[in-house]
Amino acid sequence: MTNAAPDLAALLAQNTLFAINHSGGKDSQAMMIKLLGMGIPKSQIVVVHADLGDFEWKGTKAHAQAQAAAAGVPFIVCQARDGHGNDKGMFDMLDQRLNKNLGLVVPVPTPKYRQCTSDLKRTPIERELKGYMRQNGFKVLVSCEGIRAEESATRSKRKPWTRLGTMEEAGRTAFTWLPIFTMKLAEVLSTVADAGQELHWAYAAGNERLSCVFCIMGSKTDLANGARHNPGLFETMKTWEAETGFRWHADMRPLAELVAEGEAILARRAA
């Protein structure tokens, strides 16, 4: 196998489990359509979704689950947990890291220290996949992610086929695969449309991406949309910034300022 693509026939012969990481966004949706067209048996596919609680756009989980149900493949919802086994959300993670500080200058998510991804997505997904593999007798895993090179300079440096060491224990072999790595945005949109599917409603509302409602790297217009449709969470975020003295967004500016600038952009577009 190369860094470019897997040997699909060999993997299928090994009864490999293909786990589709589905955020509910357009790239996950297009990736799943592509994978379903490759002839992978449905018995070797599972769709996993990390539930982000209040920080998740409304209907995201249902959107991903509907695609899995239409395809006739299992759907697993993953939830982060604390050390006592209780569900853990974004603010639980922030409180924990603010209290411990963990040696970070800014103990909140940043582009370099994206603990929101590791704590709330990657760790619970890997936990659930390990259990699923044990229960169903899988020894080889291909974790499929809808990451595209076009999205950012950082993502363009990713390798589309790599070993996944954090899942390789107890006789398991695991890989990470980026099946739509070279896809352009237009191809993603046409893939979904040609399949007769619709995108999550937030795109029609004006979002460029479907990540957290207030992603630390979200565009100003996405942040403005987040505030429009989630006013309660927006007020909570402003209060959190005021009480802690930290800035949530990677721009290191108050979230309210970024939202206001995003609103101005949306108003100009609508004029």
C-alpha atoms as a PDB file:
ATOM      1  CA  MET A   1       0.000   0.000   0.000  1.00  0.00           C
ATOM      2  CA  THR A   2       1.144   3.551  -0.771  1.00  0.00           C
ATOM      3  CA  ASN A   3       0.465   6.893   0.817  1.00  0.00           C
ATOM      4  CA  ALA A   4      -2.007   7.601  -1.988  1.00  0.00           C
ATOM      5  CA  ALA A   5      -4.598   4.839  -1.755  1.00  0.00           C
ATOM      6  CA  PRO A   6      -5.312   1.495  -0.109  1.00  0.00           C
ATOM      7  CA  ASP A   7      -5.373  -1.919  -1.747  1.00  0.00           C
ATOM      8  CA  LEU A   8      -9.135  -2.261  -1.444  1.00  0.00           C
ATOM      9  CA  ALA A   9      -9.306  -5.868  -2.641  1.00  0.00           C
ATOM     10  CA  ALA A  10      -6.737  -6.998  -0.075  1.00  0.00           C
ATOM     11  CA  LEU A  11      -8.527  -5.152   2.719  1.00  0.00           C
ATOM     12  CA  LEU A  12     -11.894  -6.635   1.815  1.00  0.00           C
ATOM     13  CA  ALA A  13     -10.350 -10.098   1.830  1.00  0.00           C
ATOM     14  CA  GLN A  14      -9.179  -9.472   5.408  1.00  0.00           C
ATOM     15  CA  ASN A  15     -12.733  -8.652   6.560  1.00  0.00           C
ATOM     16  CA  THR A  16     -11.703  -5.060   7.263  1.00  0.00           C
ATOM     17  CA  LEU A  17     -14.066  -2.662   9.006  1.00  0.00           C
ATOM     18  CA  PHE A  18     -14.483   0.658   7.193  1.00  0.00           C
ATOM     19  CA  ALA A  19     -15.529   3.324   9.712  1.00  0.00           C
ATOM     20  CA  ILE A  20     -17.016   6.435   8.118  1.00  0.00           C
ATOM     21  CA  ASN A  21     -16.440   9.444  10.380  1.00  0.00           C
ATOM     22  CA  HIS A  22     -19.545  11.531   9.670  1.00  0.00           C
ATOM     23  CA  SER A  23     -19.749  15.085  11.019  1.00  0.00           C
ATOM     24  CA  GLY A  24     -22.991  15.783   9.166  1.00  0.00           C
ATOM     25  CA  GLY A  25     -21.155  18.150   6.837  1.00  0.00           C
ATOM     26  CA  LYS A  26     -20.898  18.188   3.061  1.00  0.00           C
ATOM     27  CA  ASP A  27     -17.490  16.485   2.901  1.00  0.00           C
ATOM     28  CA  SER A  28     -18.562  13.595   5.127  1.00  0.00           C
ATOM     29  CA  GLN A  29     -21.708  13.219   3.047  1.00  0.00           C
ATOM     30  CA  ALA A  30     -19.822  13.154  -0.255  1.00  0.00           C
ATOM     31  CA  MET A  31     -17.223  10.764   1.172  1.00  0.00           C
ATOM     32  CA  MET A  32     -19.919   8.314   2.240  1.00  0.00           C
ATOM     33  CA  ILE A  33     -21.529   8.431  -1.206  1.00  0.00           C
ATOM     34  CA  LYS A  34     -18.159   7.686  -2.798  1.00  0.00           C
ATOM     35  CA  LEU A  35     -17.394   4.811  -0.422  1.00  0.00           C
ATOM     36  CA  LEU A  36     -20.804   3.225  -0.929  1.00  0.00           C
ATOM     37  CA  GLY A  37     -20.092   3.154  -4.659  1.00  0.00           C
ATOM     38  CA  MET A  38     -16.895   1.162  -4.228  1.00  0.00           C
ATOM     39  CA  GLY A  39     -18.543  -2.174  -3.598  1.00  0.00           C
ATOM     40  CA  ILE A  40     -17.639  -2.451   0.082  1.00  0.00           C
ATOM     41  CA  PRO A  41     -20.074  -4.900   1.734  1.00  0.00           C
ATOM     42  CA  LYS A  42     -22.437  -3.158   4.116  1.00  0.00           C
ATOM     43  CA  SER A  43     -21.469  -5.698   6.763  1.00  0.00           C
ATOM     44  CA  GLN A  44     -17.997  -4.126   6.718  1.00  0.00           C
ATOM     45  CA  ILE A  45     -19.181  -0.512   7.094  1.00  0.00           C
ATOM     46  CA  VAL A  46     -20.112   1.457  10.190  1.00  0.00           C
ATOM     47  CA  VAL A  47     -20.880   5.187  10.421  1.00  0.00           C
ATOM     48  CA  VAL A  48     -19.667   7.033  13.534  1.00  0.00           C
ATOM     49  CA  HIS A  49     -20.730  10.485  14.702  1.00  0.00           C
ATOM     50  CA  ALA A  50     -19.260  12.433  17.621  1.00  0.00           C
ATOM     51  CA  ASP A  51     -22.063  14.270  19.422  1.00  0.00           C
ATOM     52  CA  LEU A  52     -20.882  17.775  20.383  1.00  0.00           C
ATOM     53  CA  GLY A  53     -23.944  18.622  22.446  1.00  0.00           C
ATOM     54  CA  ASP A  54     -24.787  22.331  22.620  1.00  0.00           C
ATOM     55  CA  PHE A  55     -21.961  23.156  20.212  1.00  0.00           C
ATOM     56  CA  GLU A  56     -23.457  21.019  17.463  1.00  0.00           C
ATOM     57  CA  TRP A  57     -25.727  22.538  14.838  1.00  0.00           C
ATOM     58  CA  LYS A  58     -29.332  21.452  15.322  1.00  0.00           C
ATOM     59  CA  GLY A  59     -30.214  18.406  13.252  1.00  0.00           C
ATOM     60  CA  THR A  60     -26.604  17.399  12.581  1.00  0.00           C
ATOM     61  CA  LYS A  61     -26.809  13.979  14.183  1.00  0.00           C
ATOM     62  CA  ALA A  62     -30.164  13.282  12.527  1.00  0.00           C
ATOM     63  CA  HIS A  63     -28.751  14.287   9.140  1.00  0.00           C
ATOM     64  CA  ALA A  64     -25.838  11.850   9.418  1.00  0.00           C
ATOM     65  CA  GLN A  65     -28.074   9.119  10.807  1.00  0.00           C
ATOM     66  CA  ALA A  66     -30.545   9.524   7.949  1.00  0.00           C
ATOM     67  CA  GLN A  67     -27.812   8.908   5.374  1.00  0.00           C
ATOM     68  CA  ALA A  68     -26.676   5.800   7.256  1.00  0.00           C
ATOM     69  CA  ALA A  69     -30.255   4.521   7.536  1.00  0.00           C
ATOM     70  CA  ALA A  70     -30.901   5.071   3.828  1.00  0.00           C
ATOM     71  CA  ALA A  71     -27.761   3.078   3.037  1.00  0.00           C
ATOM     72  CA  GLY A  72     -28.694   0.313   5.464  1.00  0.00           C
ATOM     73  CA  VAL A  73     -25.489   0.499   7.525  1.00  0.00           C
ATOM     74  CA  PRO A  74     -24.996   0.742  11.314  1.00  0.00           C
ATOM     75  CA  PHE A  75     -24.787   4.154  12.951  1.00  0.00           C
ATOM     76  CA  ILE A  76     -22.921   4.811  16.206  1.00  0.00           C
ATOM     77  CA  VAL A  77     -23.140   7.997  18.251  1.00  0.00           C
ATOM     78  CA  CYS A  78     -20.018   8.748  20.297  1.00  0.00           C
ATOM     79  CA  GLN A  79     -20.092  10.940  23.403  1.00  0.00           C
ATOM     80  CA  ALA A  80     -17.086  12.178  25.354  1.00  0.00           C
ATOM     81  CA  ARG A  81     -16.944  11.104  29.025  1.00  0.00           C
ATOM     82  CA  ASP A  82     -15.137  12.362  32.068  1.00  0.00           C
ATOM     83  CA  GLY A  83     -13.087  10.260  34.476  1.00  0.00           C
ATOM     84  CA  HIS A  84     -16.275   9.174  36.274  1.00  0.00           C
ATOM     85  CA  GLY A  85     -18.014   7.960  33.119  1.00  0.00           C
ATOM     86  CA  ASN A  86     -20.351  10.952  32.866  1.00  0.00           C
ATOM     87  CA  ASP A  87     -21.042  12.652  29.534  1.00  0.00           C
ATOM     88  CA  LYS A  88     -18.614  15.506  28.880  1.00  0.00           C
ATOM     89  CA  GLY A  89     -19.356  18.537  26.727  1.00  0.00           C
ATOM     90  CA  MET A  90     -17.355  21.538  25.575  1.00  0.00           C
ATOM     91  CA  PHE A  91     -17.802  23.565  28.754  1.00  0.00           C
ATOM     92  CA  ASP A  92     -16.936  20.538  30.910  1.00  0.00           C
ATOM     93  CA  MET A  93     -13.699  20.218  28.950  1.00  0.00           C
ATOM     94  CA  LEU A  94     -12.962  23.929  29.285  1.00  0.00           C
ATOM     95  CA  ASP A  95     -13.621  23.923  33.036  1.00  0.00           C
ATOM     96  CA  GLN A  96     -11.332  20.937  33.488  1.00  0.00           C
ATOM     97  CA  ARG A  97      -8.509  22.466  31.472  1.00  0.00           C
ATOM     98  CA  LEU A  98      -8.893  25.902  33.001  1.00  0.00           C
ATOM     99  CA  ASN A  99      -8.619  24.372  36.462  1.00  0.00           C
ATOM    100  CA  LYS A 100      -5.606  22.224  35.628  1.00  0.00           C
ATOM    101  CA  ASN A 101      -4.164  24.607  33.016  1.00  0.00           C
ATOM    102  CA  LEU A 102      -2.125  21.635  31.731  1.00  0.00           C
ATOM    103  CA  GLY A 103       0.920  23.818  31.179  1.00  0.00           C
ATOM    104  CA  LEU A 104      -0.711  25.698  28.313  1.00  0.00           C
ATOM    105  CA  VAL A 105      -0.442  29.463  27.987  1.00  0.00           C
ATOM    106  CA  VAL A 106      -4.058  29.530  26.802  1.00  0.00           C
ATOM    107  CA  PRO A 107      -5.883  26.448  28.130  1.00  0.00           C
ATOM    108  CA  VAL A 108      -8.607  26.683  25.466  1.00  0.00           C
ATOM    109  CA  PRO A 109      -8.640  25.208  21.942  1.00  0.00           C
ATOM    110  CA  THR A 110      -6.271  26.800  19.439  1.00  0.00           C
ATOM    111  CA  PRO A 111      -5.255  25.759  15.922  1.00  0.00           C
ATOM    112  CA  LYS A 112      -2.100  24.235  17.429  1.00  0.00           C
ATOM    113  CA  TYR A 113      -3.734  22.680  20.512  1.00  0.00           C
ATOM    114  CA  ARG A 114      -7.073  21.424  19.273  1.00  0.00           C
ATOM    115  CA  GLN A 115      -8.140  19.559  22.387  1.00  0.00           C
ATOM    116  CA  CYS A 116     -11.749  19.975  21.284  1.00  0.00           C
ATOM    117  CA  THR A 117     -10.952  17.506  18.494  1.00  0.00           C
ATOM    118  CA  SER A 118      -8.987  15.094  20.655  1.00  0.00           C
ATOM    119  CA  ASP A 119     -11.257  15.208  23.720  1.00  0.00           C
ATOM    120  CA  LEU A 120     -14.692  15.443  22.145  1.00  0.00           C
ATOM    121  CA  LYS A 121     -14.220  13.643  18.820  1.00  0.00           C
ATOM    122  CA  ARG A 122     -11.183  11.419  18.378  1.00  0.00           C
ATOM    123  CA  THR A 123     -11.060   9.804  21.828  1.00  0.00           C
ATOM    124  CA  PRO A 124     -14.777   8.869  22.072  1.00  0.00           C
ATOM    125  CA  ILE A 125     -14.823   7.671  18.453  1.00  0.00           C
ATOM    126  CA  GLU A 126     -11.829   5.411  18.997  1.00  0.00           C
ATOM    127  CA  ARG A 127     -13.352   4.091  22.233  1.00  0.00           C
ATOM    128  CA  GLU A 128     -16.581   3.116  20.489  1.00  0.00           C
ATOM    129  CA  LEU A 129     -14.790   1.627  17.476  1.00  0.00           C
ATOM    130  CA  LYS A 130     -12.635  -0.577  19.712  1.00  0.00           C
ATOM    131  CA  GLY A 131     -15.782  -1.927  21.331  1.00  0.00           C
ATOM    132  CA  TYR A 132     -17.506  -2.427  17.983  1.00  0.00           C
ATOM    133  CA  MET A 133     -14.516  -4.309  16.594  1.00  0.00           C
ATOM    134  CA  ARG A 134     -14.355  -6.588  19.646  1.00  0.00           C
ATOM    135  CA  GLN A 135     -18.069  -7.340  19.479  1.00  0.00           C
ATOM    136  CA  ASN A 136     -18.037  -8.073  15.741  1.00  0.00           C
ATOM    137  CA  GLY A 137     -14.710  -9.835  15.329  1.00  0.00           C
ATOM    138  CA  PHE A 138     -12.862  -7.244  13.243  1.00  0.00           C
ATOM    139  CA  LYS A 139      -9.061  -7.123  13.438  1.00  0.00           C
ATOM    140  CA  VAL A 140      -8.372  -4.536  10.708  1.00  0.00           C
ATOM    141  CA  LEU A 141      -9.775  -1.004  10.673  1.00  0.00           C
ATOM    142  CA  VAL A 142      -9.822   1.717   8.035  1.00  0.00           C
ATOM    143  CA  SER A 143     -10.962   4.983   9.600  1.00  0.00           C
ATOM    144  CA  CYS A 144     -12.300   7.169   6.771  1.00  0.00           C
ATOM    145  CA  GLU A 145     -12.255  10.965   7.142  1.00  0.00           C
ATOM    146  CA  GLY A 146     -13.692  13.580   4.776  1.00  0.00           C
ATOM    147  CA  ILE A 147     -10.632  15.828   4.789  1.00  0.00           C
ATOM    148  CA  ARG A 148      -9.729  17.625   1.548  1.00  0.00           C
ATOM    149  CA  ALA A 149      -6.422  19.205   0.544  1.00  0.00           C
ATOM    150  CA  GLU A 150      -8.231  22.236  -0.868  1.00  0.00           C
ATOM    151  CA  GLU A 151      -9.560  23.261   2.534  1.00  0.00           C
ATOM    152  CA  SER A 152      -6.332  24.678   3.974  1.00  0.00           C
ATOM    153  CA  ALA A 153      -2.548  24.691   3.670  1.00  0.00           C
ATOM    154  CA  THR A 154      -2.321  22.547   6.785  1.00  0.00           C
ATOM    155  CA  ARG A 155      -4.712  19.926   5.463  1.00  0.00           C
ATOM    156  CA  SER A 156      -2.993  19.858   2.075  1.00  0.00           C
ATOM    157  CA  LYS A 157       0.079  18.454   3.836  1.00  0.00           C
ATOM    158  CA  ARG A 158      -1.798  15.435   5.157  1.00  0.00           C
ATOM    159  CA  LYS A 159      -1.130  12.011   3.664  1.00  0.00           C
ATOM    160  CA  PRO A 160      -4.284  10.325   2.391  1.00  0.00           C
ATOM    161  CA  TRP A 161      -3.233   6.882   3.678  1.00  0.00           C
ATOM    162  CA  THR A 162      -1.456   6.411   7.029  1.00  0.00           C
ATOM    163  CA  ARG A 163      -1.204   4.004   9.935  1.00  0.00           C
ATOM    164  CA  LEU A 164      -3.459   4.777  12.903  1.00  0.00           C
ATOM    165  CA  GLY A 165      -1.271   3.842  15.831  1.00  0.00           C
ATOM    166  CA  THR A 166      -3.738   4.803  18.562  1.00  0.00           C
ATOM    167  CA  MET A 167      -6.052   2.003  17.404  1.00  0.00           C
ATOM    168  CA  GLU A 168      -3.355  -0.646  17.004  1.00  0.00           C
ATOM    169  CA  GLU A 169      -3.500  -2.772  20.113  1.00  0.00           C
ATOM    170  CA  ALA A 170      -4.653  -6.262  21.069  1.00  0.00           C
ATOM    171  CA  GLY A 171      -3.862  -7.651  17.632  1.00  0.00           C
ATOM    172  CA  ARG A 172      -5.585  -4.871  15.666  1.00  0.00           C
ATOM    173  CA  THR A 173      -4.188  -3.201  12.553  1.00  0.00           C
ATOM    174  CA  ALA A 174      -5.541   0.244  11.727  1.00  0.00           C
ATOM    175  CA  PHE A 175      -5.232   2.915   9.055  1.00  0.00           C
ATOM    176  CA  THR A 176      -6.576   6.394   8.389  1.00  0.00           C
ATOM    177  CA  TRP A 177      -7.854   7.002   4.857  1.00  0.00           C
ATOM    178  CA  LEU A 178      -8.879  10.302   3.278  1.00  0.00           C
ATOM    179  CA  PRO A 179     -10.963   9.067   0.299  1.00  0.00           C
ATOM    180  CA  ILE A 180     -11.907  12.524  -1.049  1.00  0.00           C
ATOM    181  CA  PHE A 181      -8.564  14.200  -0.352  1.00  0.00           C
ATOM    182  CA  THR A 182      -8.183  15.520  -3.918  1.00  0.00           C
ATOM    183  CA  MET A 183     -11.833  16.506  -4.424  1.00  0.00           C
ATOM    184  CA  LYS A 184     -12.640  20.150  -5.125  1.00  0.00           C
ATOM    185  CA  LEU A 185     -15.645  21.902  -3.611  1.00  0.00           C
ATOM    186  CA  ALA A 186     -17.623  21.795  -6.849  1.00  0.00           C
ATOM    187  CA  GLU A 187     -17.147  18.035  -7.062  1.00  0.00           C
ATOM    188  CA  VAL A 188     -18.281  17.592  -3.457  1.00  0.00           C
ATOM    189  CA  LEU A 189     -21.470  19.522  -4.125  1.00  0.00           C
ATOM    190  CA  SER A 190     -22.174  17.720  -7.401  1.00  0.00           C
ATOM    191  CA  THR A 191     -21.568  14.337  -5.750  1.00  0.00           C
ATOM    192  CA  VAL A 192     -24.254  15.059  -3.169  1.00  0.00           C
ATOM    193  CA  ALA A 193     -26.669  16.545  -5.709  1.00  0.00           C
ATOM    194  CA  ASP A 194     -26.194  13.707  -8.215  1.00  0.00           C
ATOM    195  CA  ALA A 195     -27.039  11.227  -5.464  1.00  0.00           C
ATOM    196  CA  GLY A 196     -30.369  12.999  -4.971  1.00  0.00           C
ATOM    197  CA  GLN A 197     -29.431  14.134  -1.470  1.00  0.00           C
ATOM    198  CA  GLU A 198     -29.629  17.502   0.258  1.00  0.00           C
ATOM    199  CA  LEU A 199     -27.034  19.146   2.465  1.00  0.00           C
ATOM    200  CA  HIS A 200     -27.615  20.020   6.106  1.00  0.00           C
ATOM    201  CA  TRP A 201     -29.908  23.048   6.384  1.00  0.00           C
ATOM    202  CA  ALA A 202     -27.138  25.282   7.789  1.00  0.00           C
ATOM    203  CA  TYR A 203     -25.567  25.517   4.331  1.00  0.00           C
ATOM    204  CA  ALA A 204     -28.747  26.978   2.887  1.00  0.00           C
ATOM    205  CA  ALA A 205     -28.723  29.414   5.814  1.00  0.00           C
ATOM    206  CA  GLY A 206     -25.344  30.659   4.587  1.00  0.00           C
ATOM    207  CA  ASN A 207     -22.709  28.543   6.307  1.00  0.00           C
ATOM    208  CA  GLU A 208     -19.480  27.751   4.467  1.00  0.00           C
ATOM    209  CA  ARG A 209     -18.676  24.799   6.722  1.00  0.00           C
ATOM    210  CA  LEU A 210     -20.533  22.660   9.238  1.00  0.00           C
ATOM    211  CA  SER A 211     -18.306  22.326  12.275  1.00  0.00           C
ATOM    212  CA  CYS A 212     -19.010  23.540  15.803  1.00  0.00           C
ATOM    213  CA  VAL A 213     -21.545  26.357  15.981  1.00  0.00           C
ATOM    214  CA  PHE A 214     -18.688  28.609  17.112  1.00  0.00           C
ATOM    215  CA  CYS A 215     -15.620  26.918  15.665  1.00  0.00           C
ATOM    216  CA  ILE A 216     -12.323  28.417  16.819  1.00  0.00           C
ATOM    217  CA  MET A 217     -11.382  28.725  13.140  1.00  0.00           C
ATOM    218  CA  GLY A 218     -14.822  29.575  11.780  1.00  0.00           C
ATOM    219  CA  SER A 219     -15.286  32.375   9.270  1.00  0.00           C
ATOM    220  CA  LYS A 220     -16.958  35.584  10.419  1.00  0.00           C
ATOM    221  CA  THR A 221     -20.095  34.776   8.446  1.00  0.00           C
ATOM    222  CA  ASP A 222     -20.296  31.274   9.910  1.00  0.00           C
ATOM    223  CA  LEU A 223     -19.945  32.772  13.388  1.00  0.00           C
ATOM    224  CA  ALA A 224     -22.708  35.273  12.588  1.00  0.00           C
ATOM    225  CA  ASN A 225     -24.959  32.459  11.397  1.00  0.00           C
ATOM    226  CA  GLY A 226     -24.149  30.569  14.570  1.00  0.00           C
ATOM    227  CA  ALA A 227     -25.235  33.536  16.671  1.00  0.00           C
ATOM    228  CA  ARG A 228     -28.425  34.037  14.630  1.00  0.00           C
ATOM    229  CA  HIS A 229     -29.579  30.448  15.065  1.00  0.00           C
ATOM    230  CA  ASN A 230     -28.154  29.807  18.533  1.00  0.00           C
ATOM    231  CA  PRO A 231     -28.670  33.064  20.476  1.00  0.00           C
ATOM    232  CA  GLY A 232     -28.627  31.348  23.863  1.00  0.00           C
ATOM    233  CA  LEU A 233     -25.239  29.751  23.227  1.00  0.00           C
ATOM    234  CA  PHE A 234     -23.927  33.060  21.876  1.00  0.00           C
ATOM    235  CA  GLU A 235     -24.853  34.806  25.139  1.00  0.00           C
ATOM    236  CA  THR A 236     -23.218  31.999  27.106  1.00  0.00           C
ATOM    237  CA  MET A 237     -20.025  32.336  25.068  1.00  0.00           C
ATOM    238  CA  LYS A 238     -19.882  36.106  25.609  1.00  0.00           C
ATOM    239  CA  THR A 239     -20.338  35.593  29.341  1.00  0.00           C
ATOM    240  CA  TRP A 240     -17.652  32.908  29.370  1.00  0.00           C
ATOM    241  CA  GLU A 241     -15.170  35.221  27.645  1.00  0.00           C
ATOM    242  CA  ALA A 242     -15.966  38.048  30.073  1.00  0.00           C
ATOM    243  CA  GLU A 243     -15.623  35.852  33.158  1.00  0.00           C
ATOM    244  CA  THR A 244     -12.441  34.018  32.140  1.00  0.00           C
ATOM    245  CA  GLY A 245     -10.642  36.761  30.247  1.00  0.00           C
ATOM    246  CA  PHE A 246      -9.877  34.345  27.415  1.00  0.00           C
ATOM    247  CA  ARG A 247     -10.778  34.776  23.776  1.00  0.00           C
ATOM    248  CA  TRP A 248     -12.518  31.838  22.166  1.00  0.00           C
ATOM    249  CA  HIS A 249     -11.671  32.358  18.500  1.00  0.00           C
ATOM    250  CA  ALA A 250      -8.200  31.870  16.988  1.00  0.00           C
ATOM    251  CA  ASP A 251      -8.216  35.566  15.994  1.00  0.00           C
ATOM    252  CA  MET A 252      -7.929  36.337  19.716  1.00  0.00           C
ATOM    253  CA  ARG A 253     -10.644  38.976  19.436  1.00  0.00           C
ATOM    254  CA  PRO A 254     -13.981  39.040  21.290  1.00  0.00           C
ATOM    255  CA  LEU A 255     -16.510  36.708  19.683  1.00  0.00           C
ATOM    256  CA  ALA A 256     -19.085  39.505  19.643  1.00  0.00           C
ATOM    257  CA  GLU A 257     -16.816  41.638  17.445  1.00  0.00           C
ATOM    258  CA  LEU A 258     -16.329  38.836  14.939  1.00  0.00           C
ATOM    259  CA  VAL A 259     -20.068  38.128  14.863  1.00  0.00           C
ATOM    260  CA  ALA A 260     -20.828  41.811  14.250  1.00  0.00           C
ATOM    261  CA  GLU A 261     -18.383  41.912  11.349  1.00  0.00           C
ATOM    262  CA  GLY A 262     -19.904  38.725   9.968  1.00  0.00           C
ATOM    263  CA  GLU A 263     -23.376  40.260  10.188  1.00  0.00           C
ATOM    264  CA  ALA A 264     -22.150  43.252   8.192  1.00  0.00           C
ATOM    265  CA  ILE A 265     -20.804  40.946   5.479  1.00  0.00           C
ATOM    266  CA  LEU A 266     -24.087  39.032   5.320  1.00  0.00           C
ATOM    267  CA  ALA A 267     -26.022  42.298   5.083  1.00  0.00           C
ATOM    268  CA  ARG A 268     -23.901  43.462   2.152  1.00  0.00           C
ATOM    269  CA  ARG A 269     -24.460  40.154   0.390  1.00  0.00           C
ATOM    270  CA  ALA A 270     -28.207  40.417   0.861  1.00  0.00           C
ATOM    271  CA  ALA A 271     -28.386  44.053  -0.350  1.00  0.00           C
END
